[in-house]
Amino acid sequence: MSRQFVTEAVMMAIYGQLLVPRGPVEYIVPYTSVLELYELQDSEEPLMNFPEDDTHVKGKIKELINYFEAPLNKKKINRCLAMPWAKSSTILLGGQAQMVIINSMDSAQYGETFDPIETELLLTSQREKTPILTDQFELIQRIIEGGVPVQVYDIDDFDFAMEEGTRSSLTDN
């Protein structure tokens, strides 16, 4: 059984370990976070603290965009855009990693506490009953403080989150 997480597309570019997990994993990614890759690629704002890291990550973002624009992947993504909450067919990322794009919708349910992409992550997590994987400590804090009914893991705890999923699926049987 594959472990699932809701996350942003940029996480795949920043954290290479997500593409080579110890076990099978499926990332559910809101489409708006895929669109955000284009903004990040063209942005003059640094994404990382060190220029070499920033150049590397922007190169990885460009690779990911090119991968999404490959004809088969583009076709899979475009199909899910016809209806709200539709999911794409699986997009393979590596040996054990795959991704599904979801056409999530920001319903403004969480008001000013969360930005539109964060709201989509929360709503997707609730809808899919799948934990969020993020590197944003402030987002994790706001989720906890706001009592939002989702499970969330810090990216630094990715290996632990993978183990937790394995344990949960073993005890669910």
Protein backbone atom coordinates (compact mmCIF):
# COMPACT_ATOMS: atom_id res chain seq x y z
CA MET A 1 0.00 0.00 0.00
CA SER A 2 1.28 3.43 -0.95
CA ARG A 3 1.56 6.17 1.70
CA GLN A 4 -0.17 9.40 0.71
CA PHE A 5 0.57 13.04 1.51
CA VAL A 6 -0.92 16.34 0.41
CA THR A 7 1.86 18.78 -0.47
CA GLU A 8 2.89 21.59 -2.78
CA ALA A 9 4.65 20.98 -6.09
CA VAL A 10 7.64 23.11 -5.07
CA MET A 11 8.45 20.58 -2.31
CA MET A 12 9.47 18.11 -5.04
CA ALA A 13 12.04 20.60 -6.34
CA ILE A 14 13.41 21.67 -2.97
CA TYR A 15 13.51 18.28 -1.25
CA GLY A 16 14.97 15.64 -3.53
CA GLN A 17 14.49 12.94 -0.87
CA LEU A 18 10.76 13.07 -1.61
CA LEU A 19 11.49 11.58 -5.03
CA VAL A 20 13.44 8.63 -3.63
CA PRO A 21 11.44 7.47 -0.60
CA ARG A 22 12.11 4.24 1.31
CA GLY A 23 8.69 2.93 0.36
CA PRO A 24 5.87 3.65 -2.08
CA VAL A 25 4.40 7.12 -1.76
CA GLU A 26 1.79 9.16 -3.60
CA TYR A 27 1.74 12.94 -3.36
CA ILE A 28 -1.58 14.73 -3.88
CA VAL A 29 -0.78 18.19 -5.20
CA PRO A 30 -3.27 21.05 -5.70
CA TYR A 31 -3.10 22.37 -9.26
CA THR A 32 -2.63 25.96 -8.07
CA SER A 33 0.68 24.93 -6.51
CA VAL A 34 1.78 23.64 -9.94
CA LEU A 35 0.94 27.08 -11.37
CA GLU A 36 2.99 28.62 -8.57
CA LEU A 37 6.10 26.89 -9.99
CA TYR A 38 5.98 29.25 -12.99
CA GLU A 39 5.92 32.27 -10.69
CA LEU A 40 8.79 30.91 -8.59
CA GLN A 41 10.88 30.13 -11.65
CA ASP A 42 10.59 33.68 -12.95
CA SER A 43 10.85 35.40 -9.59
CA GLU A 44 13.83 37.57 -8.73
CA GLU A 45 13.22 36.76 -5.06
CA PRO A 46 15.60 34.10 -3.77
CA LEU A 47 13.96 30.86 -2.65
CA MET A 48 16.98 29.68 -0.72
CA ASN A 49 19.46 31.39 1.61
CA PHE A 50 22.57 30.65 -0.47
CA PRO A 51 22.94 31.66 -4.15
CA GLU A 52 24.20 28.20 -5.19
CA ASP A 53 21.20 26.53 -3.52
CA ASP A 54 18.84 29.04 -5.09
CA THR A 55 20.25 28.38 -8.58
CA HIS A 56 19.99 24.62 -7.99
CA VAL A 57 16.36 24.78 -6.78
CA LYS A 58 15.30 27.06 -9.64
CA GLY A 59 16.90 24.56 -12.04
CA LYS A 60 14.90 21.76 -10.39
CA ILE A 61 11.73 23.84 -10.68
CA LYS A 62 12.41 24.26 -14.40
CA GLU A 63 12.94 20.48 -14.73
CA LEU A 64 9.66 19.81 -12.91
CA ILE A 65 7.78 22.28 -15.12
CA ASN A 66 9.24 20.61 -18.22
CA TYR A 67 8.19 17.21 -16.84
CA PHE A 68 4.63 18.45 -16.27
CA GLU A 69 4.58 19.88 -19.80
CA ALA A 70 5.60 16.57 -21.40
CA PRO A 71 2.66 15.56 -23.63
CA LEU A 72 1.42 12.58 -21.59
CA ASN A 73 1.69 14.37 -18.23
CA LYS A 74 0.14 17.55 -19.63
CA LYS A 75 -2.78 15.50 -20.96
CA LYS A 76 -3.27 13.87 -17.54
CA ILE A 77 -3.23 17.24 -15.80
CA ASN A 78 -5.56 18.95 -18.29
CA ARG A 79 -8.17 16.20 -17.89
CA CYS A 80 -8.58 16.92 -14.19
CA LEU A 81 -9.15 20.63 -14.80
CA ALA A 82 -12.61 20.07 -16.26
CA MET A 83 -14.29 19.58 -12.89
CA PRO A 84 -13.69 20.83 -9.34
CA TRP A 85 -11.98 18.24 -7.15
CA ALA A 86 -11.18 15.96 -10.07
CA LYS A 87 -7.84 14.14 -9.84
CA SER A 88 -5.38 13.43 -12.62
CA SER A 89 -4.18 9.98 -13.49
CA THR A 90 -0.98 9.01 -11.72
CA ILE A 91 2.18 10.83 -12.77
CA LEU A 92 5.28 8.77 -12.05
CA LEU A 93 8.16 10.58 -10.33
CA GLY A 94 10.56 7.72 -9.79
CA GLY A 95 10.78 4.13 -8.65
CA GLN A 96 8.48 4.45 -5.65
CA ALA A 97 7.16 8.00 -5.90
CA GLN A 98 4.14 9.17 -7.82
CA MET A 99 1.96 12.24 -7.92
CA VAL A 100 -1.69 13.04 -8.53
CA ILE A 101 -2.76 16.58 -9.35
CA ILE A 102 -6.10 17.65 -7.86
CA ASN A 103 -8.22 20.52 -9.12
CA SER A 104 -8.91 21.79 -5.62
CA MET A 105 -10.96 24.88 -4.95
CA ASP A 106 -10.28 27.61 -2.39
CA SER A 107 -13.59 28.14 -0.64
CA ALA A 108 -12.26 30.91 1.65
CA GLN A 109 -13.33 28.63 4.49
CA TYR A 110 -10.30 29.57 6.56
CA GLY A 111 -10.52 33.30 5.93
CA GLU A 112 -7.47 35.41 6.55
CA THR A 113 -5.60 32.84 8.64
CA PHE A 114 -4.41 30.90 5.58
CA ASP A 115 -3.52 32.01 2.04
CA PRO A 116 -5.38 30.42 -0.93
CA ILE A 117 -2.82 27.63 -1.55
CA GLU A 118 -2.69 26.81 2.17
CA THR A 119 -6.50 26.69 2.21
CA GLU A 120 -6.45 24.30 -0.74
CA LEU A 121 -3.91 22.10 1.07
CA LEU A 122 -6.18 22.00 4.13
CA LEU A 123 -9.35 21.30 2.17
CA THR A 124 -7.61 18.61 0.09
CA SER A 125 -6.23 16.99 3.23
CA GLN A 126 -9.70 16.93 4.80
CA ARG A 127 -11.39 15.69 1.64
CA GLU A 128 -8.81 12.95 0.96
CA LYS A 129 -8.25 12.13 4.66
CA THR A 130 -4.54 12.42 3.99
CA PRO A 131 -1.85 14.23 6.03
CA ILE A 132 -0.12 17.38 4.83
CA LEU A 133 3.65 17.39 4.31
CA THR A 134 5.23 20.88 4.53
CA ASP A 135 8.41 22.73 5.40
CA GLN A 136 6.54 25.79 6.70
CA PHE A 137 6.77 25.86 10.48
CA GLU A 138 4.42 28.85 10.64
CA LEU A 139 1.76 26.93 8.70
CA ILE A 140 2.05 23.99 11.10
CA GLN A 141 1.68 26.40 14.04
CA ARG A 142 -1.41 28.04 12.54
CA ILE A 143 -2.98 24.63 11.85
CA ILE A 144 -2.45 23.59 15.46
CA GLU A 145 -3.50 26.92 16.96
CA GLY A 146 -6.57 27.07 14.73
CA GLY A 147 -7.65 23.55 15.62
CA VAL A 148 -7.90 22.63 11.94
CA PRO A 149 -8.84 18.94 11.76
CA VAL A 150 -5.92 17.69 9.65
CA GLN A 151 -2.76 15.73 10.32
CA VAL A 152 0.42 17.57 9.37
CA TYR A 153 4.08 16.53 9.21
CA ASP A 154 7.16 18.70 8.96
CA ILE A 155 9.28 17.76 5.94
CA ASP A 156 12.16 16.97 8.33
CA ASP A 157 9.98 14.18 9.73
CA PHE A 158 9.35 12.60 6.32
CA ASP A 159 10.94 9.24 7.22
CA PHE A 160 8.92 9.13 10.46
CA ALA A 161 5.73 10.01 8.56
CA MET A 162 6.42 7.16 6.13
CA GLU A 163 6.87 4.75 9.06
CA GLU A 164 3.69 6.05 10.74
CA GLY A 165 1.73 5.33 7.57
CA THR A 166 3.07 1.80 7.46
CA ARG A 167 2.17 1.23 11.10
CA SER A 168 -1.31 2.70 10.63
CA SER A 169 -2.04 0.55 7.59
CA LEU A 170 -0.88 -2.55 9.49
CA THR A 171 -3.16 -1.81 12.45
CA ASP A 172 -6.12 -0.88 10.22
CA ASN A 173 -6.40 -4.44 8.89
